[in-house]
N, C-alpha and C. Protein backbone atom coordinates (compact mmCIF):
# COMPACT_ATOMS: atom_id res chain seq x y z
N MET A 1 72.50 51.19 45.83
CA MET A 1 73.79 50.56 45.56
C MET A 1 74.75 51.58 44.96
N ARG A 2 75.99 51.66 45.53
CA ARG A 2 76.97 52.63 45.09
C ARG A 2 77.69 52.13 43.85
N THR A 3 77.99 53.08 42.97
CA THR A 3 78.80 52.75 41.80
C THR A 3 80.26 52.96 42.13
N GLY A 4 81.15 52.55 41.26
CA GLY A 4 82.58 52.63 41.53
C GLY A 4 83.11 54.04 41.55
N ASP A 5 82.47 54.97 40.80
CA ASP A 5 82.99 56.32 40.73
C ASP A 5 82.23 57.28 41.66
N GLU A 6 81.46 56.77 42.59
CA GLU A 6 80.68 57.62 43.48
C GLU A 6 81.58 58.19 44.58
N THR A 7 81.38 59.47 44.89
CA THR A 7 82.17 60.15 45.93
C THR A 7 81.49 59.97 47.28
N VAL A 8 82.25 59.53 48.25
CA VAL A 8 81.74 59.34 49.60
C VAL A 8 82.32 60.43 50.50
N LEU A 9 81.43 61.20 51.15
CA LEU A 9 81.87 62.27 52.05
C LEU A 9 82.13 61.70 53.44
N VAL A 10 83.32 61.90 53.94
CA VAL A 10 83.69 61.43 55.27
C VAL A 10 83.67 62.63 56.21
N PRO A 11 82.94 62.57 57.31
CA PRO A 11 82.90 63.71 58.24
C PRO A 11 84.27 63.97 58.86
N THR A 12 84.52 65.25 59.13
CA THR A 12 85.80 65.65 59.74
C THR A 12 85.87 65.16 61.19
N ILE A 13 86.97 64.53 61.51
CA ILE A 13 87.16 64.01 62.86
C ILE A 13 87.54 65.16 63.79
N ALA A 14 86.80 65.30 64.86
CA ALA A 14 87.10 66.35 65.84
C ALA A 14 88.35 65.97 66.63
N PHE A 15 89.32 66.89 66.63
CA PHE A 15 90.56 66.64 67.34
C PHE A 15 90.43 67.12 68.78
N ASP A 16 90.59 66.23 69.70
CA ASP A 16 90.47 66.55 71.12
C ASP A 16 91.88 66.76 71.68
N ASP A 17 92.24 68.02 71.87
CA ASP A 17 93.58 68.36 72.34
C ASP A 17 93.68 68.06 73.84
N PRO A 18 94.55 67.15 74.26
CA PRO A 18 94.65 66.83 75.69
C PRO A 18 95.19 67.98 76.52
N ARG A 19 95.95 68.90 75.90
CA ARG A 19 96.49 70.03 76.65
C ARG A 19 95.38 70.96 77.14
N VAL A 20 94.30 71.02 76.37
CA VAL A 20 93.18 71.87 76.75
C VAL A 20 92.54 71.36 78.04
N HIS A 21 92.43 70.04 78.18
CA HIS A 21 91.87 69.47 79.40
C HIS A 21 92.77 69.76 80.59
N LEU A 22 94.08 69.73 80.39
CA LEU A 22 95.00 70.07 81.48
C LEU A 22 94.84 71.52 81.90
N LEU A 23 94.65 72.41 80.92
CA LEU A 23 94.42 73.82 81.23
C LEU A 23 93.16 74.00 82.07
N ASP A 24 92.11 73.33 81.68
CA ASP A 24 90.84 73.41 82.42
C ASP A 24 90.99 72.82 83.82
N ASP A 25 91.68 71.69 83.92
CA ASP A 25 91.85 71.04 85.22
C ASP A 25 92.71 71.86 86.18
N ILE A 26 93.71 72.55 85.65
CA ILE A 26 94.57 73.36 86.52
C ILE A 26 93.79 74.53 87.10
N TRP A 27 92.87 75.11 86.32
CA TRP A 27 92.06 76.19 86.87
C TRP A 27 91.09 75.67 87.92
N LEU A 28 90.58 74.46 87.74
CA LEU A 28 89.75 73.87 88.78
C LEU A 28 90.57 73.62 90.04
N LEU A 29 91.80 73.16 89.87
CA LEU A 29 92.70 72.98 91.01
C LEU A 29 92.99 74.31 91.70
N ALA A 30 93.10 75.38 90.91
CA ALA A 30 93.36 76.70 91.48
C ALA A 30 92.21 77.14 92.40
N ILE A 31 90.98 76.83 92.02
CA ILE A 31 89.83 77.21 92.84
C ILE A 31 89.87 76.49 94.19
N PHE A 32 90.17 75.19 94.17
CA PHE A 32 90.27 74.45 95.42
C PHE A 32 91.46 74.92 96.26
N THR A 33 92.56 75.30 95.59
CA THR A 33 93.72 75.81 96.32
C THR A 33 93.41 77.15 96.97
N VAL A 34 92.60 77.98 96.30
CA VAL A 34 92.17 79.25 96.89
C VAL A 34 91.39 78.99 98.18
N LEU A 35 90.47 78.05 98.12
CA LEU A 35 89.70 77.72 99.33
C LEU A 35 90.61 77.27 100.46
N LEU A 36 91.57 76.41 100.14
CA LEU A 36 92.49 75.91 101.16
C LEU A 36 93.38 77.02 101.70
N SER A 37 93.85 77.90 100.83
CA SER A 37 94.75 78.97 101.28
C SER A 37 94.01 80.08 102.02
N ILE A 38 92.69 80.07 102.00
CA ILE A 38 91.92 81.00 102.82
C ILE A 38 91.56 80.37 104.17
N VAL A 39 91.05 79.14 104.13
CA VAL A 39 90.54 78.50 105.34
C VAL A 39 91.66 78.14 106.30
N LEU A 40 92.74 77.54 105.80
CA LEU A 40 93.80 77.06 106.69
C LEU A 40 94.52 78.20 107.42
N PRO A 41 94.99 79.26 106.74
CA PRO A 41 95.61 80.36 107.51
C PRO A 41 94.63 81.09 108.41
N TRP A 42 93.38 81.22 107.96
CA TRP A 42 92.39 81.89 108.80
C TRP A 42 92.14 81.09 110.09
N PHE A 43 92.11 79.76 109.99
CA PHE A 43 91.91 78.91 111.16
C PHE A 43 93.08 79.01 112.12
N ILE A 44 94.30 79.20 111.57
CA ILE A 44 95.49 79.24 112.42
C ILE A 44 95.69 80.62 113.04
N SER A 45 95.56 81.69 112.22
CA SER A 45 95.90 83.03 112.71
C SER A 45 94.70 83.95 112.88
N SER A 46 93.54 83.58 112.38
CA SER A 46 92.30 84.35 112.55
C SER A 46 92.41 85.78 112.03
N PHE A 47 93.00 85.96 110.81
CA PHE A 47 93.03 87.29 110.23
C PHE A 47 91.64 87.62 109.66
N GLU A 48 91.45 88.88 109.35
CA GLU A 48 90.13 89.36 108.91
C GLU A 48 89.87 88.96 107.46
N VAL A 49 88.71 88.37 107.20
CA VAL A 49 88.30 87.97 105.86
C VAL A 49 86.96 88.62 105.55
N ASP A 50 86.90 89.33 104.43
CA ASP A 50 85.65 89.90 103.96
C ASP A 50 84.92 88.81 103.18
N LEU A 51 84.02 88.10 103.85
CA LEU A 51 83.41 86.91 103.26
C LEU A 51 82.62 87.23 101.99
N MET A 52 81.91 88.34 101.99
CA MET A 52 81.08 88.67 100.84
C MET A 52 81.91 88.90 99.59
N HIS A 53 82.96 89.72 99.71
CA HIS A 53 83.80 90.01 98.54
C HIS A 53 84.67 88.81 98.16
N ALA A 54 85.14 88.06 99.16
CA ALA A 54 85.92 86.86 98.85
C ALA A 54 85.06 85.83 98.13
N ALA A 55 83.81 85.67 98.55
CA ALA A 55 82.90 84.75 97.87
C ALA A 55 82.59 85.23 96.45
N THR A 56 82.49 86.55 96.28
CA THR A 56 82.28 87.10 94.93
C THR A 56 83.47 86.77 94.02
N GLY A 57 84.68 86.89 94.57
CA GLY A 57 85.86 86.53 93.79
C GLY A 57 85.88 85.05 93.43
N LEU A 58 85.47 84.19 94.37
CA LEU A 58 85.41 82.76 94.07
C LEU A 58 84.36 82.45 93.01
N LEU A 59 83.22 83.12 93.07
CA LEU A 59 82.20 82.93 92.04
C LEU A 59 82.71 83.37 90.67
N ALA A 60 83.46 84.46 90.65
CA ALA A 60 84.04 84.92 89.39
C ALA A 60 85.05 83.91 88.85
N LEU A 61 85.85 83.31 89.74
CA LEU A 61 86.78 82.27 89.31
C LEU A 61 86.04 81.05 88.78
N GLY A 62 84.90 80.71 89.42
CA GLY A 62 84.08 79.62 88.90
C GLY A 62 83.53 79.93 87.52
N ALA A 63 83.15 81.19 87.29
CA ALA A 63 82.67 81.59 85.96
C ALA A 63 83.79 81.49 84.93
N VAL A 64 85.01 81.84 85.32
CA VAL A 64 86.15 81.70 84.41
C VAL A 64 86.38 80.23 84.06
N HIS A 65 86.25 79.35 85.06
CA HIS A 65 86.41 77.91 84.81
C HIS A 65 85.34 77.40 83.84
N ILE A 66 84.09 77.85 84.01
CA ILE A 66 83.02 77.44 83.10
C ILE A 66 83.29 77.96 81.70
N ALA A 67 83.78 79.20 81.60
CA ALA A 67 84.10 79.76 80.29
C ALA A 67 85.22 78.97 79.62
N PHE A 68 86.21 78.54 80.40
CA PHE A 68 87.26 77.68 79.85
C PHE A 68 86.67 76.39 79.29
N THR A 69 85.74 75.80 80.03
CA THR A 69 85.12 74.55 79.59
C THR A 69 84.36 74.75 78.28
N VAL A 70 83.66 75.89 78.14
CA VAL A 70 82.90 76.15 76.92
C VAL A 70 83.83 76.42 75.74
N VAL A 71 84.85 77.24 75.95
CA VAL A 71 85.77 77.59 74.86
C VAL A 71 86.58 76.38 74.42
N CYS A 72 86.92 75.50 75.36
CA CYS A 72 87.76 74.34 75.05
C CYS A 72 86.95 73.10 74.69
N ALA A 73 85.69 73.26 74.31
CA ALA A 73 84.88 72.11 73.92
C ALA A 73 85.50 71.42 72.71
N PRO A 74 85.39 70.08 72.63
CA PRO A 74 86.05 69.34 71.53
C PRO A 74 85.54 69.73 70.14
N HIS A 75 84.27 70.16 70.03
CA HIS A 75 83.75 70.47 68.71
C HIS A 75 84.21 71.83 68.19
N ARG A 76 84.87 72.63 69.06
CA ARG A 76 85.36 73.94 68.62
C ARG A 76 86.73 73.79 67.98
N PRO A 77 86.93 74.34 66.80
CA PRO A 77 88.24 74.21 66.15
C PRO A 77 89.30 75.04 66.85
N ALA A 78 90.53 74.58 66.75
CA ALA A 78 91.66 75.28 67.38
C ALA A 78 92.09 76.42 66.47
N THR A 79 91.49 77.57 66.63
CA THR A 79 91.77 78.74 65.80
C THR A 79 92.53 79.79 66.61
N VAL A 80 92.94 80.84 65.90
CA VAL A 80 93.63 81.94 66.56
C VAL A 80 92.68 82.66 67.52
N GLN A 81 91.40 82.76 67.14
CA GLN A 81 90.43 83.42 68.01
C GLN A 81 90.26 82.67 69.33
N ARG A 82 90.28 81.34 69.27
CA ARG A 82 90.15 80.58 70.50
C ARG A 82 91.37 80.78 71.40
N ARG A 83 92.55 80.85 70.80
CA ARG A 83 93.75 81.09 71.59
C ARG A 83 93.72 82.46 72.26
N ARG A 84 93.22 83.45 71.52
CA ARG A 84 93.11 84.79 72.11
C ARG A 84 92.08 84.80 73.23
N MET A 85 90.99 84.09 73.04
CA MET A 85 89.97 84.02 74.08
C MET A 85 90.52 83.35 75.34
N LEU A 86 91.31 82.30 75.17
CA LEU A 86 91.93 81.65 76.32
C LEU A 86 92.89 82.60 77.04
N ALA A 87 93.63 83.40 76.27
CA ALA A 87 94.55 84.36 76.88
C ALA A 87 93.79 85.41 77.68
N VAL A 88 92.66 85.89 77.14
CA VAL A 88 91.85 86.88 77.86
C VAL A 88 91.26 86.27 79.13
N LEU A 89 90.77 85.05 79.04
CA LEU A 89 90.23 84.38 80.23
C LEU A 89 91.31 84.18 81.28
N HIS A 90 92.52 83.87 80.84
CA HIS A 90 93.63 83.71 81.76
C HIS A 90 93.90 85.00 82.51
N ALA A 91 93.94 86.11 81.77
CA ALA A 91 94.20 87.41 82.39
C ALA A 91 93.08 87.78 83.37
N LEU A 92 91.83 87.52 82.99
CA LEU A 92 90.71 87.79 83.89
C LEU A 92 90.81 86.95 85.16
N GLY A 93 91.20 85.68 85.00
CA GLY A 93 91.35 84.81 86.16
C GLY A 93 92.40 85.31 87.13
N ILE A 94 93.52 85.82 86.62
CA ILE A 94 94.55 86.36 87.51
C ILE A 94 94.06 87.62 88.20
N GLY A 95 93.29 88.44 87.47
CA GLY A 95 92.70 89.63 88.11
C GLY A 95 91.74 89.26 89.23
N PHE A 96 90.92 88.23 89.00
CA PHE A 96 89.99 87.79 90.04
C PHE A 96 90.73 87.16 91.22
N LEU A 97 91.86 86.50 90.95
CA LEU A 97 92.67 85.97 92.04
C LEU A 97 93.18 87.11 92.93
N GLY A 98 93.64 88.19 92.29
CA GLY A 98 94.10 89.34 93.07
C GLY A 98 92.98 89.97 93.88
N TYR A 99 91.79 90.05 93.30
CA TYR A 99 90.64 90.60 94.02
C TYR A 99 90.29 89.73 95.23
N THR A 100 90.32 88.41 95.03
CA THR A 100 90.01 87.49 96.13
C THR A 100 91.06 87.58 97.23
N TRP A 101 92.34 87.66 96.84
CA TRP A 101 93.41 87.75 97.83
C TRP A 101 93.30 89.04 98.63
N LEU A 102 92.92 90.14 97.97
CA LEU A 102 92.80 91.42 98.65
C LEU A 102 91.77 91.37 99.77
N HIS A 103 90.68 90.59 99.55
CA HIS A 103 89.61 90.51 100.54
C HIS A 103 89.69 89.25 101.41
N ALA A 104 90.75 88.47 101.24
CA ALA A 104 90.93 87.26 102.05
C ALA A 104 92.21 87.35 102.86
N GLY A 105 92.46 88.51 103.44
CA GLY A 105 93.65 88.68 104.27
C GLY A 105 94.70 89.55 103.64
N GLY A 106 94.86 89.47 102.32
CA GLY A 106 95.87 90.28 101.64
C GLY A 106 97.26 89.98 102.13
N VAL A 107 97.98 91.04 102.52
CA VAL A 107 99.37 90.86 102.97
C VAL A 107 99.46 90.05 104.25
N GLN A 108 98.37 89.90 104.98
CA GLN A 108 98.36 89.05 106.17
C GLN A 108 98.27 87.57 105.82
N ASN A 109 98.02 87.27 104.54
CA ASN A 109 97.86 85.89 104.09
C ASN A 109 98.81 85.62 102.93
N PRO A 110 100.12 85.55 103.19
CA PRO A 110 101.07 85.32 102.09
C PRO A 110 100.98 83.93 101.48
N MET A 111 100.37 82.97 102.17
CA MET A 111 100.22 81.63 101.62
C MET A 111 99.39 81.63 100.34
N PHE A 112 98.50 82.60 100.22
CA PHE A 112 97.63 82.70 99.06
C PHE A 112 98.43 82.92 97.78
N LEU A 113 99.61 83.54 97.88
CA LEU A 113 100.40 83.87 96.70
C LEU A 113 100.84 82.64 95.93
N ILE A 114 100.83 81.48 96.57
CA ILE A 114 101.18 80.24 95.86
C ILE A 114 100.19 79.96 94.74
N VAL A 115 98.96 80.39 94.91
CA VAL A 115 97.93 80.11 93.91
C VAL A 115 98.26 80.76 92.58
N PHE A 116 98.95 81.91 92.61
CA PHE A 116 99.26 82.62 91.37
C PHE A 116 100.20 81.82 90.48
N ALA A 117 100.91 80.84 91.03
CA ALA A 117 101.81 80.03 90.21
C ALA A 117 101.04 79.10 89.28
N LEU A 118 99.83 78.68 89.68
CA LEU A 118 99.07 77.72 88.87
C LEU A 118 98.66 78.28 87.50
N PRO A 119 98.05 79.48 87.41
CA PRO A 119 97.73 79.98 86.07
C PRO A 119 98.96 80.31 85.24
N ILE A 120 100.08 80.65 85.90
CA ILE A 120 101.31 80.90 85.14
C ILE A 120 101.80 79.62 84.49
N VAL A 121 101.77 78.51 85.26
CA VAL A 121 102.20 77.22 84.71
C VAL A 121 101.24 76.74 83.62
N SER A 122 99.95 76.89 83.85
CA SER A 122 98.98 76.41 82.87
C SER A 122 98.99 77.23 81.59
N ALA A 123 99.54 78.44 81.62
CA ALA A 123 99.62 79.27 80.41
C ALA A 123 100.55 78.67 79.37
N VAL A 124 101.37 77.69 79.76
CA VAL A 124 102.24 77.00 78.79
C VAL A 124 101.41 76.34 77.70
N PHE A 125 100.18 75.91 78.02
CA PHE A 125 99.36 75.20 77.06
C PHE A 125 98.67 76.12 76.06
N ILE A 126 98.82 77.45 76.22
CA ILE A 126 98.22 78.39 75.28
C ILE A 126 99.23 78.80 74.21
N SER A 127 100.37 79.31 74.64
CA SER A 127 101.42 79.69 73.69
C SER A 127 102.76 79.72 74.42
N ARG A 128 103.81 79.92 73.68
CA ARG A 128 105.14 79.89 74.27
C ARG A 128 105.40 81.10 75.16
N PHE A 129 104.87 82.26 74.77
CA PHE A 129 105.16 83.49 75.51
C PHE A 129 104.08 83.84 76.53
N GLN A 130 103.00 83.08 76.55
CA GLN A 130 101.91 83.37 77.49
C GLN A 130 102.34 83.29 78.96
N PRO A 131 103.16 82.32 79.38
CA PRO A 131 103.56 82.28 80.80
C PRO A 131 104.29 83.54 81.25
N TYR A 132 105.13 84.12 80.38
CA TYR A 132 105.86 85.33 80.75
C TYR A 132 104.89 86.50 80.92
N ALA A 133 103.94 86.62 80.00
CA ALA A 133 102.96 87.70 80.11
C ALA A 133 102.11 87.54 81.37
N MET A 134 101.70 86.31 81.69
CA MET A 134 100.89 86.08 82.88
C MET A 134 101.69 86.29 84.16
N ALA A 135 103.00 85.99 84.13
CA ALA A 135 103.84 86.23 85.30
C ALA A 135 103.96 87.72 85.58
N VAL A 136 104.15 88.52 84.52
CA VAL A 136 104.22 89.97 84.69
C VAL A 136 102.89 90.51 85.21
N LEU A 137 101.78 90.00 84.65
CA LEU A 137 100.46 90.44 85.11
C LEU A 137 100.24 90.08 86.58
N ALA A 138 100.67 88.88 86.98
CA ALA A 138 100.51 88.47 88.38
C ALA A 138 101.30 89.37 89.31
N VAL A 139 102.51 89.76 88.92
CA VAL A 139 103.33 90.66 89.75
C VAL A 139 102.64 92.02 89.87
N VAL A 140 102.09 92.52 88.77
CA VAL A 140 101.40 93.82 88.81
C VAL A 140 100.17 93.76 89.70
N VAL A 141 99.38 92.67 89.58
CA VAL A 141 98.16 92.54 90.38
C VAL A 141 98.49 92.44 91.86
N VAL A 142 99.49 91.64 92.21
CA VAL A 142 99.89 91.50 93.62
C VAL A 142 100.44 92.82 94.17
N SER A 143 101.21 93.53 93.35
CA SER A 143 101.77 94.81 93.81
C SER A 143 100.67 95.83 94.06
N LEU A 144 99.71 95.92 93.16
CA LEU A 144 98.61 96.87 93.34
C LEU A 144 97.76 96.52 94.56
N ALA A 145 97.49 95.24 94.74
CA ALA A 145 96.71 94.82 95.90
C ALA A 145 97.46 95.11 97.20
N SER A 146 98.78 94.91 97.19
CA SER A 146 99.57 95.20 98.40
C SER A 146 99.61 96.68 98.70
N LEU A 147 99.76 97.51 97.66
CA LEU A 147 99.76 98.95 97.87
C LEU A 147 98.42 99.45 98.38
N ALA A 148 97.34 98.85 97.89
CA ALA A 148 96.01 99.26 98.33
C ALA A 148 95.75 98.94 99.79
N GLN A 149 96.44 97.93 100.32
CA GLN A 149 96.15 97.47 101.68
C GLN A 149 97.17 97.92 102.71
N SER A 150 98.39 98.22 102.29
CA SER A 150 99.46 98.48 103.25
C SER A 150 99.92 99.94 103.19
N PRO A 151 99.58 100.77 104.18
CA PRO A 151 100.09 102.16 104.20
C PRO A 151 101.61 102.23 104.32
N GLU A 152 102.21 101.27 105.04
CA GLU A 152 103.67 101.27 105.18
C GLU A 152 104.35 101.08 103.83
N LEU A 153 103.81 100.18 103.01
CA LEU A 153 104.39 99.96 101.70
C LEU A 153 104.23 101.19 100.81
N ARG A 154 103.10 101.88 100.93
CA ARG A 154 102.91 103.11 100.17
C ARG A 154 103.92 104.18 100.60
N TRP A 155 104.25 104.20 101.90
CA TRP A 155 105.24 105.17 102.38
C TRP A 155 106.60 104.90 101.76
N TYR A 156 106.99 103.63 101.69
CA TYR A 156 108.29 103.29 101.10
C TYR A 156 108.31 103.56 99.60
N VAL A 157 107.23 103.24 98.91
CA VAL A 157 107.16 103.50 97.47
C VAL A 157 107.21 105.00 97.20
N ASN A 158 106.59 105.79 98.07
CA ASN A 158 106.60 107.24 97.91
C ASN A 158 108.01 107.81 97.97
N GLY A 159 108.89 107.18 98.72
CA GLY A 159 110.25 107.69 98.85
C GLY A 159 111.20 107.24 97.76
N LEU A 160 110.74 106.40 96.84
CA LEU A 160 111.65 105.88 95.82
C LEU A 160 111.99 106.93 94.77
N SER A 161 110.97 107.52 94.14
CA SER A 161 111.18 108.49 93.07
C SER A 161 109.88 109.26 92.86
N ALA A 162 109.91 110.14 91.86
CA ALA A 162 108.70 110.89 91.53
C ALA A 162 107.61 109.95 91.03
N GLY A 163 108.01 108.92 90.28
CA GLY A 163 107.04 107.94 89.81
C GLY A 163 106.44 107.16 90.97
N GLY A 164 107.25 106.81 91.96
CA GLY A 164 106.74 106.12 93.13
C GLY A 164 105.79 106.98 93.93
N SER A 165 106.10 108.28 94.00
CA SER A 165 105.20 109.20 94.70
C SER A 165 103.86 109.29 94.00
N TRP A 166 103.89 109.29 92.66
CA TRP A 166 102.64 109.35 91.90
C TRP A 166 101.81 108.08 92.11
N ILE A 167 102.50 106.92 92.09
CA ILE A 167 101.80 105.64 92.29
C ILE A 167 101.19 105.59 93.68
N ALA A 168 101.94 106.03 94.69
CA ALA A 168 101.43 106.00 96.05
C ALA A 168 100.25 106.94 96.23
N SER A 169 100.26 108.07 95.50
CA SER A 169 99.16 109.03 95.64
C SER A 169 97.86 108.50 95.05
N LEU A 170 97.93 107.49 94.19
CA LEU A 170 96.72 106.91 93.61
C LEU A 170 95.90 106.14 94.63
N PHE A 171 96.52 105.79 95.77
CA PHE A 171 95.84 104.94 96.75
C PHE A 171 95.40 105.71 97.99
N GLY A 172 95.35 107.03 97.93
CA GLY A 172 94.81 107.79 99.04
C GLY A 172 95.78 108.80 99.58
N SER A 173 95.26 109.63 100.46
CA SER A 173 96.06 110.71 101.03
C SER A 173 97.05 110.24 102.07
N ASP A 174 96.91 109.01 102.55
CA ASP A 174 97.84 108.49 103.57
C ASP A 174 99.03 107.81 102.96
N ALA A 175 99.34 108.13 101.71
CA ALA A 175 100.43 107.47 101.01
C ALA A 175 101.79 107.94 101.45
N GLY A 176 101.83 108.93 102.32
CA GLY A 176 103.13 109.38 102.81
C GLY A 176 103.65 110.58 102.06
N SER A 177 102.80 111.32 101.34
CA SER A 177 103.25 112.45 100.55
C SER A 177 103.74 113.60 101.41
N THR A 178 103.36 113.62 102.67
CA THR A 178 103.80 114.68 103.56
C THR A 178 105.15 114.40 104.19
N GLY A 179 105.71 113.25 103.89
CA GLY A 179 107.01 112.91 104.45
C GLY A 179 106.94 112.38 105.85
N GLY A 180 105.80 111.92 106.31
CA GLY A 180 105.66 111.38 107.64
C GLY A 180 106.29 110.03 107.77
N ALA A 181 106.35 109.53 108.99
CA ALA A 181 106.95 108.23 109.25
C ALA A 181 105.98 107.12 108.95
N PRO A 182 106.46 105.94 108.51
CA PRO A 182 105.55 104.84 108.24
C PRO A 182 104.97 104.22 109.50
N PHE A 183 105.68 104.34 110.63
CA PHE A 183 105.21 103.78 111.90
C PHE A 183 105.17 104.90 112.93
N PRO A 184 104.16 105.77 112.87
CA PRO A 184 104.15 106.94 113.77
C PRO A 184 104.11 106.56 115.24
N GLY A 185 103.47 105.46 115.57
CA GLY A 185 103.42 105.05 116.97
C GLY A 185 104.79 104.72 117.53
N PHE A 186 105.65 104.11 116.72
CA PHE A 186 107.00 103.75 117.17
C PHE A 186 107.81 105.00 117.46
N TYR A 187 107.76 105.99 116.55
CA TYR A 187 108.53 107.22 116.76
C TYR A 187 107.97 108.04 117.92
N ALA A 188 106.64 108.01 118.09
CA ALA A 188 106.05 108.72 119.23
C ALA A 188 106.52 108.11 120.54
N LEU A 189 106.67 106.78 120.57
CA LEU A 189 107.16 106.12 121.78
C LEU A 189 108.60 106.51 122.07
N LEU A 190 109.42 106.58 121.02
CA LEU A 190 110.81 106.98 121.21
C LEU A 190 110.90 108.42 121.71
N ARG A 191 110.07 109.31 121.16
CA ARG A 191 110.09 110.70 121.61
C ARG A 191 109.65 110.79 123.08
N ARG A 192 108.67 109.96 123.43
CA ARG A 192 108.20 109.98 124.82
C ARG A 192 109.29 109.51 125.77
N LEU A 193 110.12 108.60 125.31
CA LEU A 193 111.22 108.11 126.14
C LEU A 193 112.39 109.09 126.17
N GLY A 194 112.32 110.14 125.36
CA GLY A 194 113.36 111.16 125.40
C GLY A 194 114.44 110.98 124.36
N ALA A 195 114.27 110.06 123.43
CA ALA A 195 115.30 109.86 122.41
C ALA A 195 115.11 110.86 121.29
N GLU A 196 116.21 111.23 120.66
CA GLU A 196 116.14 112.13 119.52
C GLU A 196 116.07 111.29 118.25
N VAL A 197 115.01 111.47 117.51
CA VAL A 197 114.79 110.68 116.32
C VAL A 197 114.76 111.61 115.12
N GLU A 198 115.57 111.30 114.14
CA GLU A 198 115.58 112.08 112.91
C GLU A 198 114.85 111.29 111.84
N ILE A 199 113.78 111.86 111.32
CA ILE A 199 112.97 111.18 110.30
C ILE A 199 113.40 111.74 108.95
N VAL A 200 113.94 110.87 108.12
CA VAL A 200 114.36 111.28 106.77
C VAL A 200 113.25 110.90 105.80
N PRO A 201 112.64 111.87 105.10
CA PRO A 201 111.56 111.53 104.18
C PRO A 201 112.09 110.80 102.96
């Protein structure tokens, strides 16, 4: 029997943040959108897909989703460390999206780029400035993947400035450092037809 001056300990109520569930659900939606943006364009245009590497990217995205579920568990307190962990997982997810896009058609599959909007939107639930950081990261990832896959784009970047030449040289010797044309077959055809073509590096 309790006395009147006895102290009763009340357990702390776990706060279940609904925004965290939205963050987790949007990443799950991103995985299904990746599948759709690979299968549908491939069925229509039959571009080349590296199934092994694309599947590896999807598995990595699934691991990111599981990590989100673990970090966002209701019994975990909303601390600064958890917010930083969510930001790191977000950045990793965007990197894995770029890796998957590179091996699922790349520049031949522009429909895939819609998927990058989902993690940018879901970053609103982490902090106010997180969407801007994730948008910049998405632009960098897409640009690097495009440069790695497109020799023509490397040729144009090489002609921009010394910095562009350095960036293009990171992706191989065919970056256009010799001042060659981006479409050598086109200029060879014109020369064969007798036209005078001036190539400006």
